[in-house]
Amino acid sequence: MRRPLFFLLPLLFVQCSHPQVETVVLKGSDTELNLVLQLAEAYMEAEPGVSISITGGGSGVGIAALLNGKTDIANSSREINAYETAMAYERGVQIEPFIFAADALAIIVHPSVGLDSLSLHDLGKIYAGEIRDWSQLGGKPGPVSLYGRQSNSGTFTYFRERVLKRDFSPDLKQMNGTSQILEAVKADPGSIGYVGLGYLTDNNGALREGIRVIRLARTNGEMAVSPLDQNMVYAGLYPLTRPLYQYTNGVPEGKTKTFLEFENSPAGKKIILENGYLSAREAGLAGNLEK
């Protein structure tokens, strides 16, 4: 029998009614949230003696919870940073990283913007506030409206380090989650935002209405590539492809270990692909679970 799912925002809690249940707690990345929920549902269908609690809030929240002993697995769309590594050392936490999937960070705009491609250089200038009107890039005249994540998000950090290499514009509207960015861009003419690849399509795999996905070029004059072109992404030609991490304290054991193994199994990889993400192996990113 399929066990009931309880959804508590911002907490997503997946619970089974087995009398002897081992609980696995995951906290962190909103980019990974929907994907990990789907993986947890499938895993619990095969493992009746486990309950999985999944909370979002951002990569920084998940890593902090791991350092404080409040989670079994920290979901993170970025690498652990030097400060967090030092804190782990001080607290006797042995960080073990696992790459279970990959994500292409997609740039979306309101269709009225009138552009379908950008270079990373120009994208950085947009988010730094140096380009303030779409006409500066050949688009329809009108002010640029910036949407992004809050600073505790791994996606915020990744985008700043990979694209801007400096601070965001003070005009950036910081949203609590990726879904909020998507809805804001759909409602705001002149808007631009960044979202994980898995958020671009609906439950039927169709591209969501009301947005335009921008093709990206590494430099001005190079070929621009869409994140929706899986062959180009797997070939390493899309410039914003990143690994998705899960961190544990020490080598995982028990149901934590078997859940990570499930994510790396053929059934887990099938779910990853069906949800619009990329297999870490096919994207050329090695997870250390097999090691």
C-alpha atoms as a PDB file:
ATOM      1  CA  MET A   1       0.000   0.000   0.000  1.00  0.00           C
ATOM      2  CA  ARG A   2       1.293   3.448  -0.858  1.00  0.00           C
ATOM      3  CA  ARG A   3       1.993   5.358   2.365  1.00  0.00           C
ATOM      4  CA  PRO A   4       0.472   8.815   2.867  1.00  0.00           C
ATOM      5  CA  LEU A   5       2.558  11.898   2.161  1.00  0.00           C
ATOM      6  CA  PHE A   6       2.348  14.876   4.498  1.00  0.00           C
ATOM      7  CA  PHE A   7       3.354  18.260   3.069  1.00  0.00           C
ATOM      8  CA  LEU A   8       4.241  20.988   5.578  1.00  0.00           C
ATOM      9  CA  LEU A   9       5.685  24.202   4.157  1.00  0.00           C
ATOM     10  CA  PRO A  10       8.565  24.851   4.237  1.00  0.00           C
ATOM     11  CA  LEU A  11       8.918  21.285   5.583  1.00  0.00           C
ATOM     12  CA  LEU A  12       8.242  18.378   3.276  1.00  0.00           C
ATOM     13  CA  PHE A  13       7.718  15.310   5.454  1.00  0.00           C
ATOM     14  CA  VAL A  14       7.383  11.839   4.010  1.00  0.00           C
ATOM     15  CA  GLN A  15       6.172   9.338   6.595  1.00  0.00           C
ATOM     16  CA  CYS A  16       5.397   5.656   6.723  1.00  0.00           C
ATOM     17  CA  SER A  17       3.264   3.822   9.270  1.00  0.00           C
ATOM     18  CA  HIS A  18       5.525   0.821   9.875  1.00  0.00           C
ATOM     19  CA  PRO A  19       5.721   0.100  13.651  1.00  0.00           C
ATOM     20  CA  GLN A  20       9.522  -0.098  13.696  1.00  0.00           C
ATOM     21  CA  VAL A  21      10.767   2.806  11.663  1.00  0.00           C
ATOM     22  CA  GLU A  22      14.265   4.203  11.166  1.00  0.00           C
ATOM     23  CA  THR A  23      14.160   7.920  10.362  1.00  0.00           C
ATOM     24  CA  VAL A  24      16.519   9.620   7.921  1.00  0.00           C
ATOM     25  CA  VAL A  25      16.585  13.427   8.031  1.00  0.00           C
ATOM     26  CA  LEU A  26      17.622  15.587   5.056  1.00  0.00           C
ATOM     27  CA  LYS A  27      17.885  19.378   5.093  1.00  0.00           C
ATOM     28  CA  GLY A  28      19.160  22.033   2.708  1.00  0.00           C
ATOM     29  CA  SER A  29      19.097  22.922  -0.952  1.00  0.00           C
ATOM     30  CA  ASP A  30      15.817  24.077  -2.507  1.00  0.00           C
ATOM     31  CA  THR A  31      17.233  23.192  -5.922  1.00  0.00           C
ATOM     32  CA  GLU A  32      17.354  19.549  -4.824  1.00  0.00           C
ATOM     33  CA  LEU A  33      14.119  19.571  -2.850  1.00  0.00           C
ATOM     34  CA  ASN A  34      11.625  18.271  -5.429  1.00  0.00           C
ATOM     35  CA  LEU A  35      14.073  15.737  -6.804  1.00  0.00           C
ATOM     36  CA  VAL A  36      14.996  14.310  -3.399  1.00  0.00           C
ATOM     37  CA  LEU A  37      11.306  14.091  -2.494  1.00  0.00           C
ATOM     38  CA  GLN A  38      10.660  11.924  -5.560  1.00  0.00           C
ATOM     39  CA  LEU A  39      13.669   9.749  -4.743  1.00  0.00           C
ATOM     40  CA  ALA A  40      12.490   9.367  -1.144  1.00  0.00           C
ATOM     41  CA  GLU A  41       9.003   8.314  -2.206  1.00  0.00           C
ATOM     42  CA  ALA A  42      10.369   5.615  -4.503  1.00  0.00           C
ATOM     43  CA  TYR A  43      12.912   4.435  -1.928  1.00  0.00           C
ATOM     44  CA  MET A  44      10.270   4.039   0.778  1.00  0.00           C
ATOM     45  CA  GLU A  45       8.088   1.970  -1.524  1.00  0.00           C
ATOM     46  CA  ALA A  46      10.895  -0.585  -1.495  1.00  0.00           C
ATOM     47  CA  GLU A  47      11.935  -0.031   2.151  1.00  0.00           C
ATOM     48  CA  PRO A  48       8.876  -0.121   4.464  1.00  0.00           C
ATOM     49  CA  GLY A  49      10.956   0.311   7.627  1.00  0.00           C
ATOM     50  CA  VAL A  50      12.136   3.851   6.972  1.00  0.00           C
ATOM     51  CA  SER A  51      10.710   7.373   7.317  1.00  0.00           C
ATOM     52  CA  ILE A  52      12.365  10.270   5.482  1.00  0.00           C
ATOM     53  CA  SER A  53      11.990  13.900   6.578  1.00  0.00           C
ATOM     54  CA  ILE A  54      12.994  16.483   3.949  1.00  0.00           C
ATOM     55  CA  THR A  55      13.369  20.213   4.685  1.00  0.00           C
ATOM     56  CA  GLY A  56      14.474  23.000   2.330  1.00  0.00           C
ATOM     57  CA  GLY A  57      15.767  26.412   3.278  1.00  0.00           C
ATOM     58  CA  GLY A  58      18.960  26.562   1.250  1.00  0.00           C
ATOM     59  CA  SER A  59      22.326  24.822   1.075  1.00  0.00           C
ATOM     60  CA  GLY A  60      23.757  26.871   3.943  1.00  0.00           C
ATOM     61  CA  VAL A  61      20.875  25.796   6.175  1.00  0.00           C
ATOM     62  CA  GLY A  62      21.518  22.135   5.396  1.00  0.00           C
ATOM     63  CA  ILE A  63      25.256  22.314   6.031  1.00  0.00           C
ATOM     64  CA  ALA A  64      24.688  24.220   9.291  1.00  0.00           C
ATOM     65  CA  ALA A  65      22.252  21.511  10.390  1.00  0.00           C
ATOM     66  CA  LEU A  66      24.849  18.837   9.663  1.00  0.00           C
ATOM     67  CA  LEU A  67      27.485  20.715  11.674  1.00  0.00           C
ATOM     68  CA  ASN A  68      24.994  21.007  14.558  1.00  0.00           C
ATOM     69  CA  GLY A  69      24.001  17.344  14.471  1.00  0.00           C
ATOM     70  CA  LYS A  70      20.462  18.138  13.316  1.00  0.00           C
ATOM     71  CA  THR A  71      20.402  16.183  10.054  1.00  0.00           C
ATOM     72  CA  ASP A  72      21.702  12.933   8.619  1.00  0.00           C
ATOM     73  CA  ILE A  73      22.219  14.341   5.133  1.00  0.00           C
ATOM     74  CA  ALA A  74      22.816  17.949   4.050  1.00  0.00           C
ATOM     75  CA  ASN A  75      21.566  18.693   0.541  1.00  0.00           C
ATOM     76  CA  SER A  76      23.730  21.324  -1.144  1.00  0.00           C
ATOM     77  CA  SER A  77      23.950  22.768  -4.648  1.00  0.00           C
ATOM     78  CA  ARG A  78      27.458  24.050  -3.875  1.00  0.00           C
ATOM     79  CA  GLU A  79      30.701  22.817  -2.392  1.00  0.00           C
ATOM     80  CA  ILE A  80      31.235  23.262   1.326  1.00  0.00           C
ATOM     81  CA  ASN A  81      33.226  26.435   1.934  1.00  0.00           C
ATOM     82  CA  ALA A  82      36.361  27.117   3.971  1.00  0.00           C
ATOM     83  CA  TYR A  83      34.483  28.535   6.972  1.00  0.00           C
ATOM     84  CA  GLU A  84      32.187  25.495   7.134  1.00  0.00           C
ATOM     85  CA  THR A  85      35.170  23.167   6.791  1.00  0.00           C
ATOM     86  CA  ALA A  86      36.886  24.898   9.716  1.00  0.00           C
ATOM     87  CA  MET A  87      33.716  24.640  11.809  1.00  0.00           C
ATOM     88  CA  ALA A  88      33.459  20.943  10.998  1.00  0.00           C
ATOM     89  CA  TYR A  89      37.041  20.403  12.171  1.00  0.00           C
ATOM     90  CA  GLU A  90      36.398  22.270  15.424  1.00  0.00           C
ATOM     91  CA  ARG A  91      33.283  20.212  16.147  1.00  0.00           C
ATOM     92  CA  GLY A  92      34.728  16.857  15.165  1.00  0.00           C
ATOM     93  CA  VAL A  93      32.424  16.499  12.159  1.00  0.00           C
ATOM     94  CA  GLN A  94      33.937  14.440   9.341  1.00  0.00           C
ATOM     95  CA  ILE A  95      32.411  15.765   6.138  1.00  0.00           C
ATOM     96  CA  GLU A  96      31.808  13.114   3.479  1.00  0.00           C
ATOM     97  CA  PRO A  97      30.642  14.523   0.113  1.00  0.00           C
ATOM     98  CA  PHE A  98      28.531  12.652  -2.422  1.00  0.00           C
ATOM     99  CA  ILE A  99      27.585  13.813  -5.918  1.00  0.00           C
ATOM    100  CA  PHE A 100      24.289  12.152  -6.794  1.00  0.00           C
ATOM    101  CA  ALA A 101      23.150  14.252  -9.771  1.00  0.00           C
ATOM    102  CA  ALA A 102      23.947  17.305 -11.871  1.00  0.00           C
ATOM    103  CA  ASP A 103      21.942  20.380 -12.711  1.00  0.00           C
ATOM    104  CA  ALA A 104      22.052  22.890 -15.533  1.00  0.00           C
ATOM    105  CA  LEU A 105      21.237  26.329 -14.125  1.00  0.00           C
ATOM    106  CA  ALA A 106      18.827  27.914 -16.580  1.00  0.00           C
ATOM    107  CA  ILE A 107      18.384  31.623 -17.264  1.00  0.00           C
ATOM    108  CA  ILE A 108      14.766  32.630 -17.859  1.00  0.00           C
ATOM    109  CA  VAL A 109      13.210  35.925 -18.937  1.00  0.00           C
ATOM    110  CA  HIS A 110       9.738  37.264 -19.506  1.00  0.00           C
ATOM    111  CA  PRO A 111       8.857  36.694 -23.198  1.00  0.00           C
ATOM    112  CA  SER A 112       8.410  40.445 -23.723  1.00  0.00           C
ATOM    113  CA  VAL A 113      12.161  41.028 -23.225  1.00  0.00           C
ATOM    114  CA  GLY A 114      12.824  40.211 -26.862  1.00  0.00           C
ATOM    115  CA  LEU A 115      16.109  38.299 -26.429  1.00  0.00           C
ATOM    116  CA  ASP A 116      16.811  34.581 -26.719  1.00  0.00           C
ATOM    117  CA  SER A 117      20.577  34.394 -26.072  1.00  0.00           C
ATOM    118  CA  LEU A 118      23.256  35.986 -23.889  1.00  0.00           C
ATOM    119  CA  SER A 119      26.937  35.562 -23.146  1.00  0.00           C
ATOM    120  CA  LEU A 120      28.151  34.888 -19.615  1.00  0.00           C
ATOM    121  CA  HIS A 121      29.922  38.248 -19.756  1.00  0.00           C
ATOM    122  CA  ASP A 122      26.719  40.159 -20.502  1.00  0.00           C
ATOM    123  CA  LEU A 123      24.770  38.070 -17.997  1.00  0.00           C
ATOM    124  CA  GLY A 124      27.240  39.098 -15.319  1.00  0.00           C
ATOM    125  CA  LYS A 125      26.892  42.756 -16.265  1.00  0.00           C
ATOM    126  CA  ILE A 126      23.109  42.462 -16.029  1.00  0.00           C
ATOM    127  CA  TYR A 127      23.185  41.025 -12.516  1.00  0.00           C
ATOM    128  CA  ALA A 128      25.873  43.452 -11.380  1.00  0.00           C
ATOM    129  CA  GLY A 129      23.579  46.342 -12.407  1.00  0.00           C
ATOM    130  CA  GLU A 130      25.834  47.580 -15.218  1.00  0.00           C
ATOM    131  CA  ILE A 131      23.176  46.853 -17.856  1.00  0.00           C
ATOM    132  CA  ARG A 132      19.904  48.372 -16.719  1.00  0.00           C
ATOM    133  CA  ASP A 133      17.803  48.457 -19.896  1.00  0.00           C
ATOM    134  CA  TRP A 134      17.208  45.628 -22.360  1.00  0.00           C
ATOM    135  CA  SER A 135      17.790  47.954 -25.305  1.00  0.00           C
ATOM    136  CA  GLN A 136      21.509  47.951 -24.382  1.00  0.00           C
ATOM    137  CA  LEU A 137      21.613  44.332 -25.599  1.00  0.00           C
ATOM    138  CA  GLY A 138      19.290  44.743 -28.573  1.00  0.00           C
ATOM    139  CA  GLY A 139      16.134  43.753 -26.725  1.00  0.00           C
ATOM    140  CA  LYS A 140      12.854  45.609 -26.393  1.00  0.00           C
ATOM    141  CA  PRO A 141      13.424  48.929 -24.581  1.00  0.00           C
ATOM    142  CA  GLY A 142      12.511  48.689 -20.926  1.00  0.00           C
ATOM    143  CA  PRO A 143      14.140  48.378 -17.494  1.00  0.00           C
ATOM    144  CA  VAL A 144      15.762  45.134 -16.392  1.00  0.00           C
ATOM    145  CA  SER A 145      14.079  43.555 -13.365  1.00  0.00           C
ATOM    146  CA  LEU A 146      16.414  41.165 -11.489  1.00  0.00           C
ATOM    147  CA  TYR A 147      15.305  38.073  -9.571  1.00  0.00           C
ATOM    148  CA  GLY A 148      17.500  35.647  -7.656  1.00  0.00           C
ATOM    149  CA  ARG A 149      17.856  33.625  -4.469  1.00  0.00           C
ATOM    150  CA  GLN A 150      18.710  34.685  -0.942  1.00  0.00           C
ATOM    151  CA  SER A 151      22.316  34.601   0.242  1.00  0.00           C
ATOM    152  CA  ASN A 152      21.896  31.331   2.177  1.00  0.00           C
ATOM    153  CA  SER A 153      21.203  29.569  -1.114  1.00  0.00           C
ATOM    154  CA  GLY A 154      23.914  27.514  -2.783  1.00  0.00           C
ATOM    155  CA  THR A 155      22.567  28.691  -6.125  1.00  0.00           C
ATOM    156  CA  PHE A 156      23.105  32.322  -5.045  1.00  0.00           C
ATOM    157  CA  THR A 157      26.734  31.515  -4.208  1.00  0.00           C
ATOM    158  CA  TYR A 158      27.331  29.476  -7.352  1.00  0.00           C
ATOM    159  CA  PHE A 159      25.884  32.185  -9.610  1.00  0.00           C
ATOM    160  CA  ARG A 160      27.888  34.946  -7.933  1.00  0.00           C
ATOM    161  CA  GLU A 161      31.164  33.024  -8.198  1.00  0.00           C
ATOM    162  CA  ARG A 162      30.629  31.524 -11.652  1.00  0.00           C
ATOM    163  CA  VAL A 163      28.925  34.417 -13.452  1.00  0.00           C
ATOM    164  CA  LEU A 164      29.368  37.749 -11.635  1.00  0.00           C
ATOM    165  CA  LYS A 165      32.737  37.319  -9.888  1.00  0.00           C
ATOM    166  CA  ARG A 166      31.635  40.357  -7.865  1.00  0.00           C
ATOM    167  CA  ASP A 167      28.630  41.450  -5.829  1.00  0.00           C
ATOM    168  CA  PHE A 168      25.061  41.391  -7.057  1.00  0.00           C
ATOM    169  CA  SER A 169      23.274  44.630  -7.879  1.00  0.00           C
ATOM    170  CA  PRO A 170      21.454  46.096  -4.856  1.00  0.00           C
ATOM    171  CA  ASP A 171      18.346  46.018  -7.064  1.00  0.00           C
ATOM    172  CA  LEU A 172      18.281  42.193  -6.981  1.00  0.00           C
ATOM    173  CA  LYS A 173      14.958  40.901  -5.657  1.00  0.00           C
ATOM    174  CA  GLN A 174      15.923  37.982  -3.416  1.00  0.00           C
ATOM    175  CA  MET A 175      13.320  35.212  -3.370  1.00  0.00           C
ATOM    176  CA  ASN A 176      12.860  32.459  -0.788  1.00  0.00           C
ATOM    177  CA  GLY A 177      12.737  29.618  -3.307  1.00  0.00           C
ATOM    178  CA  THR A 178      13.173  28.704  -6.955  1.00  0.00           C
ATOM    179  CA  SER A 179       9.427  28.409  -7.557  1.00  0.00           C
ATOM    180  CA  GLN A 180       9.026  32.018  -6.419  1.00  0.00           C
ATOM    181  CA  ILE A 181      11.581  33.154  -8.999  1.00  0.00           C
ATOM    182  CA  LEU A 182       9.703  31.277 -11.711  1.00  0.00           C
ATOM    183  CA  GLU A 183       6.354  32.836 -10.813  1.00  0.00           C
ATOM    184  CA  ALA A 184       7.862  36.316 -10.434  1.00  0.00           C
ATOM    185  CA  VAL A 185       9.465  36.206 -13.883  1.00  0.00           C
ATOM    186  CA  LYS A 186       6.187  35.077 -15.453  1.00  0.00           C
ATOM    187  CA  ALA A 187       4.379  38.055 -13.883  1.00  0.00           C
ATOM    188  CA  ASP A 188       6.944  40.824 -14.420  1.00  0.00           C
ATOM    189  CA  PRO A 189       7.643  42.182 -17.945  1.00  0.00           C
ATOM    190  CA  GLY A 190      11.337  42.956 -18.318  1.00  0.00           C
ATOM    191  CA  SER A 191      12.308  40.340 -15.738  1.00  0.00           C
ATOM    192  CA  ILE A 192      15.179  37.849 -15.644  1.00  0.00           C
ATOM    193  CA  GLY A 193      15.874  35.032 -13.195  1.00  0.00           C
ATOM    194  CA  TYR A 194      17.856  31.837 -12.731  1.00  0.00           C
ATOM    195  CA  VAL A 195      16.335  28.432 -11.892  1.00  0.00           C
ATOM    196  CA  GLY A 196      17.384  24.800 -11.818  1.00  0.00           C
ATOM    197  CA  LEU A 197      16.735  22.778 -14.957  1.00  0.00           C
ATOM    198  CA  GLY A 198      14.173  20.597 -13.195  1.00  0.00           C
ATOM    199  CA  TYR A 199      11.896  23.600 -12.596  1.00  0.00           C
ATOM    200  CA  LEU A 200      11.468  24.416 -16.302  1.00  0.00           C
ATOM    201  CA  THR A 201       8.950  21.678 -17.042  1.00  0.00           C
ATOM    202  CA  ASP A 202       5.635  20.632 -15.536  1.00  0.00           C
ATOM    203  CA  ASN A 203       4.639  17.158 -14.329  1.00  0.00           C
ATOM    204  CA  ASN A 204       4.026  16.096 -17.930  1.00  0.00           C
ATOM    205  CA  GLY A 205       7.471  17.186 -19.078  1.00  0.00           C
ATOM    206  CA  ALA A 206       6.180  20.207 -21.010  1.00  0.00           C
ATOM    207  CA  LEU A 207       8.006  23.537 -20.813  1.00  0.00           C
ATOM    208  CA  ARG A 208       6.171  25.892 -18.463  1.00  0.00           C
ATOM    209  CA  GLU A 209       4.252  28.711 -20.104  1.00  0.00           C
ATOM    210  CA  GLY A 210       5.025  32.376 -19.603  1.00  0.00           C
ATOM    211  CA  ILE A 211       8.830  32.170 -19.685  1.00  0.00           C
ATOM    212  CA  ARG A 212      11.583  32.135 -22.283  1.00  0.00           C
ATOM    213  CA  VAL A 213      14.689  30.023 -21.695  1.00  0.00           C
ATOM    214  CA  ILE A 214      17.837  31.887 -22.708  1.00  0.00           C
ATOM    215  CA  ARG A 215      20.632  30.218 -24.666  1.00  0.00           C
ATOM    216  CA  LEU A 216      24.056  30.928 -23.160  1.00  0.00           C
ATOM    217  CA  ALA A 217      27.482  31.400 -24.744  1.00  0.00           C
ATOM    218  CA  ARG A 218      30.715  31.212 -22.760  1.00  0.00           C
ATOM    219  CA  THR A 219      32.047  34.336 -24.476  1.00  0.00           C
ATOM    220  CA  ASN A 220      30.738  36.907 -26.932  1.00  0.00           C
ATOM    221  CA  GLY A 221      30.787  35.463 -30.435  1.00  0.00           C
ATOM    222  CA  GLU A 222      30.682  31.808 -29.361  1.00  0.00           C
ATOM    223  CA  MET A 223      27.776  29.483 -30.065  1.00  0.00           C
ATOM    224  CA  ALA A 224      24.956  29.905 -27.552  1.00  0.00           C
ATOM    225  CA  VAL A 225      23.605  26.665 -26.069  1.00  0.00           C
ATOM    226  CA  SER A 226      20.221  25.918 -24.510  1.00  0.00           C
ATOM    227  CA  PRO A 227      20.072  23.983 -21.209  1.00  0.00           C
ATOM    228  CA  LEU A 228      17.139  22.096 -22.750  1.00  0.00           C
ATOM    229  CA  ASP A 229      19.500  20.481 -25.282  1.00  0.00           C
ATOM    230  CA  GLN A 230      20.569  17.436 -23.275  1.00  0.00           C
ATOM    231  CA  ASN A 231      23.152  16.298 -25.829  1.00  0.00           C
ATOM    232  CA  MET A 232      24.906  19.674 -25.706  1.00  0.00           C
ATOM    233  CA  VAL A 233      24.772  19.711 -21.910  1.00  0.00           C
ATOM    234  CA  TYR A 234      26.265  16.214 -21.650  1.00  0.00           C
ATOM    235  CA  ALA A 235      28.940  17.254 -24.136  1.00  0.00           C
ATOM    236  CA  GLY A 236      30.011  19.960 -21.683  1.00  0.00           C
ATOM    237  CA  LEU A 237      28.982  22.832 -23.948  1.00  0.00           C
ATOM    238  CA  TYR A 238      26.438  24.489 -21.665  1.00  0.00           C
ATOM    239  CA  PRO A 239      28.408  26.825 -19.381  1.00  0.00           C
ATOM    240  CA  LEU A 240      26.303  26.596 -16.191  1.00  0.00           C
ATOM    241  CA  THR A 241      26.318  22.879 -15.383  1.00  0.00           C
ATOM    242  CA  ARG A 242      27.059  22.023 -11.761  1.00  0.00           C
ATOM    243  CA  PRO A 243      27.167  19.000  -9.464  1.00  0.00           C
ATOM    244  CA  LEU A 244      24.526  18.462  -6.794  1.00  0.00           C
ATOM    245  CA  TYR A 245      25.968  17.394  -3.447  1.00  0.00           C
ATOM    246  CA  GLN A 246      24.846  15.542  -0.376  1.00  0.00           C
ATOM    247  CA  TYR A 247      27.042  15.646   2.730  1.00  0.00           C
ATOM    248  CA  THR A 248      27.109  13.277   5.703  1.00  0.00           C
ATOM    249  CA  ASN A 249      29.024  13.220   8.981  1.00  0.00           C
ATOM    250  CA  GLY A 250      31.428  10.339   8.430  1.00  0.00           C
ATOM    251  CA  VAL A 251      30.854   7.302   6.230  1.00  0.00           C
ATOM    252  CA  PRO A 252      27.075   6.750   6.133  1.00  0.00           C
ATOM    253  CA  GLU A 253      25.554   3.683   7.733  1.00  0.00           C
ATOM    254  CA  GLY A 254      22.147   2.008   7.985  1.00  0.00           C
ATOM    255  CA  LYS A 255      19.258   3.482   6.047  1.00  0.00           C
ATOM    256  CA  THR A 256      21.234   6.657   5.307  1.00  0.00           C
ATOM    257  CA  LYS A 257      23.709   4.528   3.376  1.00  0.00           C
ATOM    258  CA  THR A 258      21.059   2.490   1.581  1.00  0.00           C
ATOM    259  CA  PHE A 259      19.179   5.659   0.568  1.00  0.00           C
ATOM    260  CA  LEU A 260      22.346   7.102  -0.970  1.00  0.00           C
ATOM    261  CA  GLU A 261      22.906   3.785  -2.736  1.00  0.00           C
ATOM    262  CA  PHE A 262      19.351   3.886  -4.067  1.00  0.00           C
ATOM    263  CA  GLU A 263      19.957   7.332  -5.564  1.00  0.00           C
ATOM    264  CA  ASN A 264      22.940   5.867  -7.405  1.00  0.00           C
ATOM    265  CA  SER A 265      21.029   2.786  -8.607  1.00  0.00           C
ATOM    266  CA  PRO A 266      19.410   2.418 -12.059  1.00  0.00           C
ATOM    267  CA  ALA A 267      16.003   3.136 -10.469  1.00  0.00           C
ATOM    268  CA  GLY A 268      17.360   6.290  -8.813  1.00  0.00           C
ATOM    269  CA  LYS A 269      19.044   7.512 -11.979  1.00  0.00           C
ATOM    270  CA  LYS A 270      15.791   7.000 -13.887  1.00  0.00           C
ATOM    271  CA  ILE A 271      13.990   9.288 -11.413  1.00  0.00           C
ATOM    272  CA  ILE A 272      16.768  11.872 -11.704  1.00  0.00           C
ATOM    273  CA  LEU A 273      16.406  11.996 -15.483  1.00  0.00           C
ATOM    274  CA  GLU A 274      12.595  12.003 -15.411  1.00  0.00           C
ATOM    275  CA  ASN A 275      12.638  15.040 -13.119  1.00  0.00           C
ATOM    276  CA  GLY A 276      14.707  17.071 -15.563  1.00  0.00           C
ATOM    277  CA  TYR A 277      18.080  16.695 -13.861  1.00  0.00           C
ATOM    278  CA  LEU A 278      21.229  15.054 -15.164  1.00  0.00           C
ATOM    279  CA  SER A 279      22.929  11.840 -14.198  1.00  0.00           C
ATOM    280  CA  ALA A 280      26.214  12.707 -12.501  1.00  0.00           C
ATOM    281  CA  ARG A 281      28.066  10.003 -14.440  1.00  0.00           C
ATOM    282  CA  GLU A 282      26.812  11.097 -17.870  1.00  0.00           C
ATOM    283  CA  ALA A 283      27.599  14.713 -17.010  1.00  0.00           C
ATOM    284  CA  GLY A 284      31.210  13.727 -16.262  1.00  0.00           C
ATOM    285  CA  LEU A 285      30.894  14.234 -12.499  1.00  0.00           C
ATOM    286  CA  ALA A 286      32.082  11.427 -10.248  1.00  0.00           C
ATOM    287  CA  GLY A 287      30.150  10.690  -7.076  1.00  0.00           C
ATOM    288  CA  ASN A 288      32.270   9.001  -4.400  1.00  0.00           C
ATOM    289  CA  LEU A 289      29.617   6.503  -3.270  1.00  0.00           C
ATOM    290  CA  GLU A 290      30.987   3.885  -5.666  1.00  0.00           C
ATOM    291  CA  LYS A 291      34.471   4.382  -4.204  1.00  0.00           C
END
